[in-house]
Protein backbone atom coordinates (compact mmCIF):
# COMPACT_ATOMS: atom_id res chain seq x y z
CA UNK A 1 30.30 -33.08 46.95
CA UNK A 2 31.18 -29.31 45.84
CA UNK A 3 28.38 -26.54 44.26
CA UNK A 4 29.80 -26.75 41.35
CA UNK A 5 30.13 -30.41 40.69
CA UNK A 6 26.27 -30.48 41.73
CA UNK A 7 25.50 -27.90 39.42
CA UNK A 8 27.14 -29.98 36.78
CA UNK A 9 25.16 -33.75 37.88
CA UNK A 10 21.92 -31.92 37.47
CA UNK A 11 22.71 -30.95 34.06
CA UNK A 12 24.22 -33.62 32.29
CA UNK A 13 21.26 -35.38 34.08
CA UNK A 14 18.83 -32.80 32.55
CA UNK A 15 20.48 -33.51 29.15
CA UNK A 16 20.55 -37.37 28.96
CA UNK A 17 16.52 -36.73 29.81
CA UNK A 18 16.34 -34.28 27.53
CA UNK A 19 17.63 -36.64 25.07
CA UNK A 20 16.44 -39.99 25.87
CA UNK A 21 12.96 -37.69 25.27
CA UNK A 22 14.20 -36.74 21.87
CA UNK A 23 15.05 -40.70 20.54
CA UNK A 24 11.26 -41.58 22.05
CA UNK A 25 9.83 -39.34 20.29
CA UNK A 26 11.91 -40.39 17.21
CA UNK A 27 11.26 -43.51 17.49
CA UNK A 28 7.09 -42.99 17.76
CA UNK A 29 7.40 -41.36 14.75
CA UNK A 30 8.89 -43.95 12.80
CA UNK A 31 6.83 -46.45 14.35
CA UNK A 32 3.51 -44.36 13.42
CA UNK A 33 4.86 -43.69 10.04
CA UNK A 34 5.72 -47.71 9.85
CA UNK A 35 2.21 -48.08 10.73
CA UNK A 36 0.24 -45.86 8.04
CA UNK A 37 2.55 -47.20 5.31
CA UNK A 38 1.19 -50.41 6.53
CA UNK A 39 -2.47 -49.47 6.28
CA UNK A 40 -1.92 -47.84 3.44
CA UNK A 41 -3.70 -50.19 0.30
CA UNK A 42 -1.79 -50.51 -3.08
CA UNK A 43 -4.75 -48.64 -4.56
CA UNK A 44 -4.81 -45.82 -2.04
CA UNK A 45 -0.77 -45.58 -3.01
CA UNK A 46 -1.37 -45.71 -6.65
CA UNK A 47 -3.65 -42.97 -6.52
CA UNK A 48 -1.28 -41.24 -4.42
CA UNK A 49 1.51 -41.90 -7.21
CA UNK A 50 -0.70 -41.12 -10.33
CA UNK A 51 -1.52 -37.47 -8.32
CA UNK A 52 2.19 -37.02 -7.47
CA UNK A 53 3.12 -37.74 -11.75
CA UNK A 54 0.03 -34.84 -12.52
CA UNK A 55 1.41 -32.50 -10.41
CA UNK A 56 5.01 -33.33 -12.25
CA UNK A 57 3.63 -32.94 -15.41
CA UNK A 58 2.09 -29.73 -14.71
CA UNK A 59 5.14 -28.18 -13.41
CA UNK A 60 7.01 -29.53 -16.88
CA UNK A 61 4.21 -27.94 -18.83
CA UNK A 62 4.55 -24.89 -16.79
CA UNK A 63 8.38 -24.80 -17.03
CA UNK A 64 8.15 -25.35 -20.87
CA UNK A 65 5.86 -22.69 -21.75
CA UNK A 66 7.90 -20.44 -19.18
CA UNK A 67 11.00 -21.42 -21.41
CA UNK A 68 9.40 -21.22 -24.95
CA UNK A 69 8.30 -17.48 -23.61
CA UNK A 70 11.93 -17.07 -22.67
CA UNK A 71 13.15 -17.99 -26.39
CA UNK A 72 10.29 -15.72 -28.00
CA UNK A 73 11.20 -12.51 -25.63
CA UNK A 74 15.06 -13.48 -26.15
CA UNK A 75 14.34 -13.37 -29.84
CA UNK A 76 12.42 -9.96 -30.31
CA UNK A 77 14.97 -8.16 -28.41
CA UNK A 78 18.24 -9.28 -30.77
CA UNK A 79 15.82 -8.88 -33.62
CA UNK A 80 14.95 -5.00 -32.10
CA UNK A 81 18.61 -5.15 -31.63
CA UNK A 82 19.70 -5.65 -34.87
CA UNK A 83 17.12 -2.96 -36.47
CA UNK A 84 17.43 0.14 -34.07
CA UNK A 85 21.82 -1.65 -33.87
CA UNK A 86 22.53 2.31 -35.54
CA UNK A 87 19.96 4.47 -34.14
CA UNK A 88 22.56 5.91 -31.98
CA UNK A 89 25.20 6.62 -35.57
CA UNK A 90 22.15 7.95 -37.47
CA UNK A 91 20.93 10.59 -34.63
CA UNK A 92 24.30 11.51 -34.64
CA UNK A 93 24.68 12.12 -38.41
CA UNK A 94 22.18 13.89 -38.83
CA UNK A 95 23.51 17.30 -37.33
CA UNK A 96 26.08 16.91 -40.65
CA UNK A 97 23.39 16.36 -42.65
CA UNK A 98 21.60 19.54 -41.86
CA UNK A 99 24.88 21.62 -42.52
CA UNK A 100 25.27 19.81 -45.78
CA UNK A 101 21.57 20.82 -46.72
CA UNK A 102 22.78 24.92 -44.69
CA UNK A 103 25.84 24.64 -47.26
CA UNK A 104 24.38 23.37 -50.59
CA UNK A 105 21.57 26.76 -49.37
CA UNK A 106 24.09 29.14 -49.15
CA UNK A 107 26.30 28.25 -52.46
CA UNK A 108 22.55 28.92 -54.38
CA UNK A 109 24.09 32.48 -53.31
CA UNK A 110 27.76 32.37 -52.84
CA UNK A 111 29.63 34.48 -54.80
CA UNK A 112 33.52 32.61 -54.18
CA UNK A 113 33.63 29.10 -53.85
CA UNK A 114 36.40 29.22 -51.01
CA UNK A 115 33.44 29.87 -48.30
CA UNK A 116 31.93 26.80 -49.96
CA UNK A 117 35.11 24.88 -49.50
CA UNK A 118 35.43 26.32 -46.33
CA UNK A 119 32.02 25.17 -45.05
CA UNK A 120 32.40 21.12 -46.01
CA UNK A 121 36.17 21.67 -44.89
CA UNK A 122 34.26 22.61 -41.21
CA UNK A 123 31.37 19.96 -41.27
CA UNK A 124 33.90 17.26 -42.39
CA UNK A 125 35.99 18.07 -39.51
CA UNK A 126 32.58 17.71 -36.96
CA UNK A 127 32.01 14.62 -38.33
CA UNK A 128 35.58 13.11 -38.17
CA UNK A 129 35.61 14.81 -34.49
CA UNK A 130 32.33 13.45 -33.73
CA UNK A 131 33.29 9.59 -35.17
CA UNK A 132 36.35 9.46 -33.62
CA UNK A 133 35.26 10.79 -30.12
CA UNK A 134 31.95 9.12 -29.72
CA UNK A 135 32.29 5.53 -31.71
CA UNK A 136 36.26 4.98 -31.96
CA UNK A 137 36.54 5.24 -35.58
CA UNK A 138 39.95 6.01 -36.38
CA UNK A 139 41.88 6.42 -40.35
CA UNK A 140 44.89 5.42 -41.38
CA UNK A 141 47.24 5.61 -44.27
CA UNK A 142 49.28 8.58 -44.98
CA UNK A 143 51.64 9.39 -47.77
CA UNK A 144 55.41 8.42 -46.17
CA UNK A 145 54.11 6.00 -44.21
CA UNK A 146 55.73 2.59 -44.06
CA UNK A 147 53.84 -0.02 -46.15
CA UNK A 148 51.99 -2.90 -44.14
CA UNK A 149 50.02 -5.36 -45.90
CA UNK A 150 48.04 -6.13 -42.83
CA UNK A 151 47.06 -2.42 -43.23
CA UNK A 152 47.10 -1.15 -46.40
CA UNK A 153 46.01 -2.58 -49.92
CA UNK A 154 47.90 -2.18 -52.94
CA UNK A 155 46.90 -0.92 -55.96
CA UNK A 156 50.10 -0.11 -57.65
CA UNK A 157 54.34 -0.24 -56.95
CA UNK A 158 56.74 2.38 -58.40
CA UNK A 159 60.74 1.72 -57.87
CA UNK A 160 62.21 4.47 -56.67
CA UNK A 161 66.21 4.54 -56.75
CA UNK A 162 66.29 7.03 -53.31
CA UNK A 163 63.81 5.10 -51.34
CA UNK A 164 65.55 2.57 -48.89
CA UNK A 165 61.83 0.87 -47.55
CA UNK A 166 58.50 0.44 -49.27
CA UNK A 167 56.57 3.37 -48.51
CA UNK A 168 53.17 4.91 -49.30
CA UNK A 169 53.31 7.14 -52.07
CA UNK A 170 50.38 7.68 -52.50
CA UNK A 171 46.83 7.07 -50.79
CA UNK A 172 43.44 7.16 -53.23
CA UNK A 173 41.53 6.06 -50.23
CA UNK A 174 42.06 5.80 -46.63
CA UNK A 175 41.66 2.98 -44.04
CA UNK A 176 39.65 3.05 -41.32
CA UNK A 177 39.96 1.26 -37.81
CA UNK A 178 36.92 0.33 -35.35
CA UNK A 179 38.44 0.79 -31.82
CA UNK A 180 41.48 -1.75 -33.26
CA UNK A 181 39.49 -3.76 -35.85
CA UNK A 182 40.12 -2.70 -39.37
CA UNK A 183 36.91 -2.20 -40.64
CA UNK A 184 38.71 -0.78 -44.41
CA UNK A 185 42.35 -1.26 -45.89
CA UNK A 186 43.90 1.96 -46.88
CA UNK A 187 44.17 1.48 -51.22
CA UNK A 188 47.40 2.48 -51.65
CA UNK A 189 50.12 2.88 -54.37
CA UNK A 190 53.46 1.74 -52.69
CA UNK A 191 57.55 3.27 -53.95
CA UNK A 192 59.92 0.52 -53.68
CA UNK A 193 63.50 0.17 -53.32
CA UNK A 194 65.19 -0.29 -56.97
CA UNK A 195 67.03 -2.82 -57.50
C-alpha cells in the first residue's frame, strides 16, 4: 500500500469517528431533553407558558406604544411642513417687498413718473426671474398665440375675416404653470375666422 493511500484511509477513519461522536452527542442531547420534558410537571409547564405569554404581552404593548409615538411624530412633522411650506418663498419675496417700499419712498420726492415706472419694472423683472429660476414658475399667453382651451380661458370672441385660425387677440391675465402643472389659465379675448 502506498503512503498516500494510507493517509487517505487514516483521514477517512478520523472523519468517520468524528461523525460517530457527533451523532452520539446529538442522541444524548435528545435523550436528555426528552428526560427533562418527562420530569416537568404540568403545573410547571403552565407556569412557564404563562411567563412566555406575559413576556409577549409586554413586547406587544411596547411595540404598540412605539407605533403610536411614531404616528404622533409623523403627524407633527406633517403639520409643521404644511405650516412652514411657503417659508422659503416668502423669504425670497421679502427682497421685492423691500424694493417696493424703497420705490414708494422715492416716489414722494420724484419729479417725473418715468423714474418710478422704471423702478417698478426693475422690481417686476427681478421678481419674475426669481420665481422662474428658483421655483419653476412660468407664464404663458401672448397676443397672436394660437388659442388652446387647455391653456386659455376665453372670456370673449371676435370674428375677423383675415384670421385663418383661432388666435389670442388680447390677454387680460397671463396664465401660469408651476413646472408642468397649470396653476392659472390665461384669460383671453379670442380672434376667430369669420364664417
